[in-house]
């Protein structure tokens, strides 16, 4: 459904007590979306998989041709497969539209 669309991944909150908050925006692309399981597999466009924390909540912005969507969730797995860095992202509470008024405030395109 969203396969091939670009994604910006941003940390919202660190879950572990000794975790470090990272305000960087990570560039990804939707590799596969499992609707029934609420998982999105993201291809991380960077080389460093360890930059993605397994102990944090993230906001995932998906840009389609017609709209900008976001969801929140956690990265359950990060691994290398077929020369790609993949993240298994568990969606919480579905997708939301980023309205035109808020687009400039929440994130710049």
N, C-alpha and C. Protein backbone atom coordinates (compact mmCIF):
# COMPACT_ATOMS: atom_id res chain seq x y z
N UNK A 1 0.82 -1.19 0.00
CA UNK A 1 0.00 0.00 0.00
C UNK A 1 0.87 1.26 0.00
N UNK A 2 1.89 1.32 0.86
CA UNK A 2 2.77 2.48 0.91
C UNK A 2 4.17 2.14 0.39
N UNK A 3 4.34 0.95 -0.15
CA UNK A 3 5.65 0.50 -0.60
C UNK A 3 6.29 1.51 -1.56
N UNK A 4 7.55 1.81 -1.30
CA UNK A 4 8.30 2.72 -2.15
C UNK A 4 8.23 4.18 -1.75
N UNK A 5 7.32 4.54 -0.87
CA UNK A 5 7.18 5.95 -0.45
C UNK A 5 8.29 6.34 0.52
N UNK A 6 8.75 7.60 0.43
CA UNK A 6 9.79 8.07 1.34
C UNK A 6 9.24 8.28 2.76
N UNK A 7 10.13 8.10 3.72
CA UNK A 7 9.76 8.19 5.14
C UNK A 7 10.82 8.99 5.88
N UNK A 8 10.36 9.84 6.80
CA UNK A 8 11.23 10.48 7.77
C UNK A 8 10.90 9.87 9.13
N UNK A 9 11.92 9.40 9.82
CA UNK A 9 11.74 8.76 11.11
C UNK A 9 12.39 9.65 12.18
N UNK A 10 11.59 10.02 13.19
CA UNK A 10 12.08 10.90 14.25
C UNK A 10 11.75 10.31 15.62
N UNK A 11 12.73 10.33 16.50
CA UNK A 11 12.51 9.84 17.86
C UNK A 11 11.62 10.82 18.61
N UNK A 12 10.62 10.27 19.32
CA UNK A 12 9.72 11.08 20.14
C UNK A 12 10.10 11.02 21.61
N UNK A 13 10.45 9.83 22.07
CA UNK A 13 10.68 9.63 23.50
C UNK A 13 11.58 8.41 23.70
N UNK A 14 12.50 8.54 24.65
CA UNK A 14 13.34 7.41 25.04
C UNK A 14 12.60 6.62 26.11
N UNK A 15 12.54 5.31 25.95
CA UNK A 15 11.82 4.47 26.89
C UNK A 15 12.70 4.03 28.06
N UNK A 16 13.93 3.63 27.76
CA UNK A 16 14.82 3.14 28.83
C UNK A 16 15.37 4.31 29.64
N UNK A 17 15.65 4.07 30.89
CA UNK A 17 16.14 5.11 31.80
C UNK A 17 17.52 5.61 31.40
N UNK A 18 18.34 4.74 30.84
CA UNK A 18 19.70 5.15 30.48
C UNK A 18 19.85 5.46 28.99
N UNK A 19 18.74 5.58 28.27
CA UNK A 19 18.78 5.87 26.84
C UNK A 19 19.12 7.33 26.56
N UNK A 20 19.60 7.56 25.35
CA UNK A 20 19.97 8.91 24.92
C UNK A 20 19.01 9.35 23.82
N UNK A 21 18.40 10.52 24.00
CA UNK A 21 17.48 11.06 23.01
C UNK A 21 18.26 11.55 21.80
N UNK A 22 17.79 11.18 20.62
CA UNK A 22 18.42 11.58 19.35
C UNK A 22 17.39 12.35 18.54
N UNK A 23 17.63 13.63 18.30
CA UNK A 23 16.66 14.44 17.56
C UNK A 23 16.90 14.45 16.05
N UNK A 24 17.76 13.58 15.56
CA UNK A 24 18.03 13.49 14.12
C UNK A 24 16.84 12.91 13.38
N UNK A 25 16.68 13.33 12.14
CA UNK A 25 15.68 12.75 11.26
C UNK A 25 16.37 11.73 10.38
N UNK A 26 15.88 10.51 10.42
CA UNK A 26 16.47 9.41 9.65
C UNK A 26 15.65 9.19 8.38
N UNK A 27 16.32 9.14 7.25
CA UNK A 27 15.66 8.93 5.96
C UNK A 27 15.48 7.44 5.72
N UNK A 28 14.25 7.07 5.36
CA UNK A 28 13.91 5.68 5.09
C UNK A 28 13.00 5.62 3.86
N UNK A 29 12.62 4.40 3.52
CA UNK A 29 11.65 4.15 2.46
C UNK A 29 10.83 2.94 2.89
N UNK A 30 9.53 2.97 2.60
CA UNK A 30 8.69 1.83 2.96
C UNK A 30 9.06 0.66 2.07
N UNK A 31 9.48 -0.43 2.70
CA UNK A 31 9.84 -1.65 1.98
C UNK A 31 8.62 -2.56 1.85
N UNK A 32 7.90 -2.72 2.97
CA UNK A 32 6.70 -3.57 2.97
C UNK A 32 5.79 -3.13 4.11
N UNK A 33 4.49 -3.23 3.89
CA UNK A 33 3.51 -2.86 4.91
C UNK A 33 2.61 -4.05 5.17
N UNK A 34 2.56 -4.54 6.39
CA UNK A 34 1.69 -5.65 6.80
C UNK A 34 0.50 -5.06 7.54
N UNK A 35 -0.59 -4.87 6.83
CA UNK A 35 -1.78 -4.19 7.37
C UNK A 35 -2.35 -4.93 8.57
N UNK A 36 -2.54 -6.22 8.46
CA UNK A 36 -3.20 -6.98 9.52
C UNK A 36 -2.36 -7.08 10.79
N UNK A 37 -1.04 -7.02 10.65
CA UNK A 37 -0.16 -7.12 11.81
C UNK A 37 0.26 -5.76 12.35
N UNK A 38 -0.07 -4.68 11.63
CA UNK A 38 0.33 -3.31 11.99
C UNK A 38 1.85 -3.14 12.07
N UNK A 39 2.54 -3.71 11.08
CA UNK A 39 3.98 -3.54 10.96
C UNK A 39 4.31 -2.88 9.63
N UNK A 40 5.30 -1.99 9.66
CA UNK A 40 5.87 -1.44 8.44
C UNK A 40 7.34 -1.81 8.46
N UNK A 41 7.80 -2.38 7.37
CA UNK A 41 9.22 -2.64 7.21
C UNK A 41 9.81 -1.46 6.47
N UNK A 42 10.77 -0.80 7.09
CA UNK A 42 11.40 0.39 6.52
C UNK A 42 12.82 0.07 6.12
N UNK A 43 13.20 0.56 4.95
CA UNK A 43 14.59 0.46 4.53
C UNK A 43 15.30 1.74 4.96
N UNK A 44 16.24 1.60 5.87
CA UNK A 44 17.01 2.74 6.36
C UNK A 44 18.04 3.11 5.31
N UNK A 45 18.06 4.36 4.91
CA UNK A 45 18.96 4.81 3.84
C UNK A 45 20.36 5.15 4.34
N UNK A 46 20.63 4.93 5.61
CA UNK A 46 21.94 5.15 6.20
C UNK A 46 22.61 3.81 6.43
N UNK A 47 23.91 3.85 6.68
CA UNK A 47 24.65 2.61 6.91
C UNK A 47 24.62 2.14 8.36
N UNK A 48 24.37 3.04 9.30
CA UNK A 48 24.47 2.71 10.71
C UNK A 48 23.14 2.30 11.31
N UNK A 49 22.90 0.99 11.36
CA UNK A 49 21.67 0.47 11.98
C UNK A 49 21.61 0.76 13.47
N UNK A 50 22.75 0.84 14.12
CA UNK A 50 22.76 1.04 15.57
C UNK A 50 22.35 2.46 15.95
N UNK A 51 22.21 3.35 14.98
CA UNK A 51 21.72 4.70 15.27
C UNK A 51 20.24 4.68 15.64
N UNK A 52 19.56 3.60 15.29
CA UNK A 52 18.13 3.43 15.60
C UNK A 52 18.01 2.65 16.91
N UNK A 53 17.37 3.26 17.89
CA UNK A 53 17.22 2.65 19.21
C UNK A 53 16.03 1.70 19.24
N UNK A 54 16.21 0.59 19.92
CA UNK A 54 15.10 -0.35 20.15
C UNK A 54 14.36 -0.01 21.44
N UNK A 55 14.83 1.01 22.14
CA UNK A 55 14.23 1.45 23.41
C UNK A 55 13.71 2.87 23.30
N UNK A 56 13.00 3.17 22.22
CA UNK A 56 12.47 4.53 22.02
C UNK A 56 11.17 4.45 21.24
N UNK A 57 10.37 5.50 21.39
CA UNK A 57 9.16 5.64 20.58
C UNK A 57 9.49 6.62 19.45
N UNK A 58 9.06 6.28 18.24
CA UNK A 58 9.35 7.10 17.06
C UNK A 58 8.07 7.59 16.41
N UNK A 59 8.22 8.67 15.67
CA UNK A 59 7.16 9.18 14.79
C UNK A 59 7.64 8.94 13.37
N UNK A 60 6.79 8.34 12.58
CA UNK A 60 7.12 7.94 11.22
C UNK A 60 6.25 8.74 10.25
N UNK A 61 6.88 9.61 9.45
CA UNK A 61 6.17 10.43 8.46
C UNK A 61 6.28 9.76 7.10
N UNK A 62 5.15 9.49 6.47
CA UNK A 62 5.14 8.87 5.14
C UNK A 62 4.58 9.88 4.15
N UNK A 63 5.34 10.14 3.13
CA UNK A 63 4.93 11.09 2.10
C UNK A 63 4.42 10.33 0.88
N UNK A 64 3.14 10.53 0.56
CA UNK A 64 2.57 9.93 -0.65
C UNK A 64 2.40 11.03 -1.68
N UNK A 65 1.88 10.69 -2.83
CA UNK A 65 1.66 11.70 -3.87
C UNK A 65 0.63 12.74 -3.48
N UNK A 66 -0.32 12.33 -2.66
CA UNK A 66 -1.45 13.21 -2.36
C UNK A 66 -1.51 13.71 -0.91
N UNK A 67 -0.76 13.09 0.00
CA UNK A 67 -0.88 13.47 1.39
C UNK A 67 0.39 13.14 2.18
N UNK A 68 0.46 13.74 3.35
CA UNK A 68 1.52 13.44 4.30
C UNK A 68 0.86 12.80 5.51
N UNK A 69 1.27 11.59 5.82
CA UNK A 69 0.72 10.83 6.93
C UNK A 69 1.77 10.64 8.00
N UNK A 70 1.33 10.39 9.22
CA UNK A 70 2.27 9.98 10.25
C UNK A 70 1.64 8.96 11.16
N UNK A 71 2.50 8.18 11.79
CA UNK A 71 2.08 7.24 12.81
C UNK A 71 3.18 7.20 13.85
N UNK A 72 2.86 6.68 15.01
CA UNK A 72 3.86 6.51 16.06
C UNK A 72 4.00 5.03 16.35
N UNK A 73 5.13 4.68 16.93
CA UNK A 73 5.36 3.28 17.27
C UNK A 73 6.79 3.05 17.71
N UNK A 74 7.18 1.78 17.72
CA UNK A 74 8.52 1.40 18.16
C UNK A 74 9.17 0.51 17.11
N UNK A 75 10.48 0.54 17.09
CA UNK A 75 11.23 -0.35 16.22
C UNK A 75 11.44 -1.65 16.98
N UNK A 76 10.88 -2.73 16.47
CA UNK A 76 10.97 -4.03 17.13
C UNK A 76 12.23 -4.79 16.75
N UNK A 77 12.67 -4.61 15.51
CA UNK A 77 13.88 -5.28 15.03
C UNK A 77 14.61 -4.36 14.06
N UNK A 78 15.91 -4.55 13.98
CA UNK A 78 16.72 -3.88 12.97
C UNK A 78 17.73 -4.91 12.48
N UNK A 79 17.84 -5.05 11.17
CA UNK A 79 18.72 -6.09 10.62
C UNK A 79 19.10 -5.77 9.18
N UNK A 80 20.10 -6.50 8.70
CA UNK A 80 20.58 -6.36 7.34
C UNK A 80 20.09 -7.54 6.54
N UNK A 81 19.48 -7.28 5.37
CA UNK A 81 18.93 -8.32 4.52
C UNK A 81 19.10 -7.92 3.06
N UNK A 82 19.71 -8.77 2.28
CA UNK A 82 19.90 -8.50 0.85
C UNK A 82 20.52 -7.12 0.60
N UNK A 83 21.58 -6.81 1.31
CA UNK A 83 22.28 -5.53 1.18
C UNK A 83 21.41 -4.32 1.51
N UNK A 84 20.42 -4.51 2.36
CA UNK A 84 19.55 -3.42 2.82
C UNK A 84 19.53 -3.42 4.33
N UNK A 85 19.42 -2.23 4.89
CA UNK A 85 19.21 -2.08 6.33
C UNK A 85 17.72 -1.95 6.56
N UNK A 86 17.14 -2.92 7.25
CA UNK A 86 15.69 -2.94 7.45
C UNK A 86 15.33 -2.75 8.92
N UNK A 87 14.21 -2.06 9.12
CA UNK A 87 13.64 -1.85 10.44
C UNK A 87 12.23 -2.40 10.44
N UNK A 88 11.90 -3.17 11.46
CA UNK A 88 10.52 -3.65 11.63
C UNK A 88 9.86 -2.72 12.63
N UNK A 89 8.96 -1.88 12.12
CA UNK A 89 8.33 -0.82 12.90
C UNK A 89 6.90 -1.22 13.26
N UNK A 90 6.61 -1.26 14.55
CA UNK A 90 5.27 -1.61 15.05
C UNK A 90 4.45 -0.34 15.22
N UNK A 91 3.35 -0.23 14.49
CA UNK A 91 2.48 0.94 14.51
C UNK A 91 1.56 0.89 15.72
N UNK A 92 1.41 2.02 16.40
CA UNK A 92 0.44 2.15 17.48
C UNK A 92 -0.63 3.15 17.06
N UNK A 93 -1.87 2.79 17.15
CA UNK A 93 -3.01 3.68 16.94
C UNK A 93 -3.18 4.21 15.52
N UNK A 94 -2.68 3.54 14.52
CA UNK A 94 -2.98 3.88 13.13
C UNK A 94 -2.27 5.11 12.59
N UNK A 95 -2.81 5.59 11.46
CA UNK A 95 -2.22 6.71 10.74
C UNK A 95 -3.05 7.98 10.92
N UNK A 96 -2.37 9.12 10.82
CA UNK A 96 -3.01 10.42 10.91
C UNK A 96 -2.52 11.28 9.76
N UNK A 97 -3.37 12.18 9.28
CA UNK A 97 -2.98 13.15 8.26
C UNK A 97 -2.32 14.34 8.92
N UNK A 98 -1.27 14.84 8.28
CA UNK A 98 -0.67 16.10 8.70
C UNK A 98 -1.34 17.16 7.84
N UNK A 99 -2.09 18.03 8.46
CA UNK A 99 -2.84 19.04 7.70
C UNK A 99 -1.90 20.09 7.14
N UNK A 100 -2.35 20.78 6.12
CA UNK A 100 -1.53 21.80 5.46
C UNK A 100 -1.09 22.89 6.44
N UNK A 101 -1.96 23.28 7.36
CA UNK A 101 -1.61 24.34 8.31
C UNK A 101 -0.48 23.90 9.23
N UNK A 102 -0.49 22.63 9.62
CA UNK A 102 0.48 22.14 10.57
C UNK A 102 1.74 21.63 9.88
N UNK A 103 1.69 21.43 8.58
CA UNK A 103 2.82 20.86 7.86
C UNK A 103 4.09 21.67 8.09
N UNK A 104 4.01 22.97 8.01
CA UNK A 104 5.19 23.80 8.20
C UNK A 104 5.70 23.77 9.62
N UNK A 105 4.81 23.59 10.58
CA UNK A 105 5.21 23.55 11.99
C UNK A 105 5.81 22.20 12.38
N UNK A 106 5.18 21.12 11.92
CA UNK A 106 5.61 19.80 12.33
C UNK A 106 6.84 19.33 11.60
N UNK A 107 6.91 19.65 10.32
CA UNK A 107 8.05 19.17 9.55
C UNK A 107 8.11 19.88 8.23
N UNK A 108 9.26 20.17 7.78
CA UNK A 108 9.43 20.88 6.50
C UNK A 108 9.72 19.88 5.40
N UNK A 109 9.12 20.10 4.25
CA UNK A 109 9.39 19.26 3.08
C UNK A 109 10.10 20.05 2.03
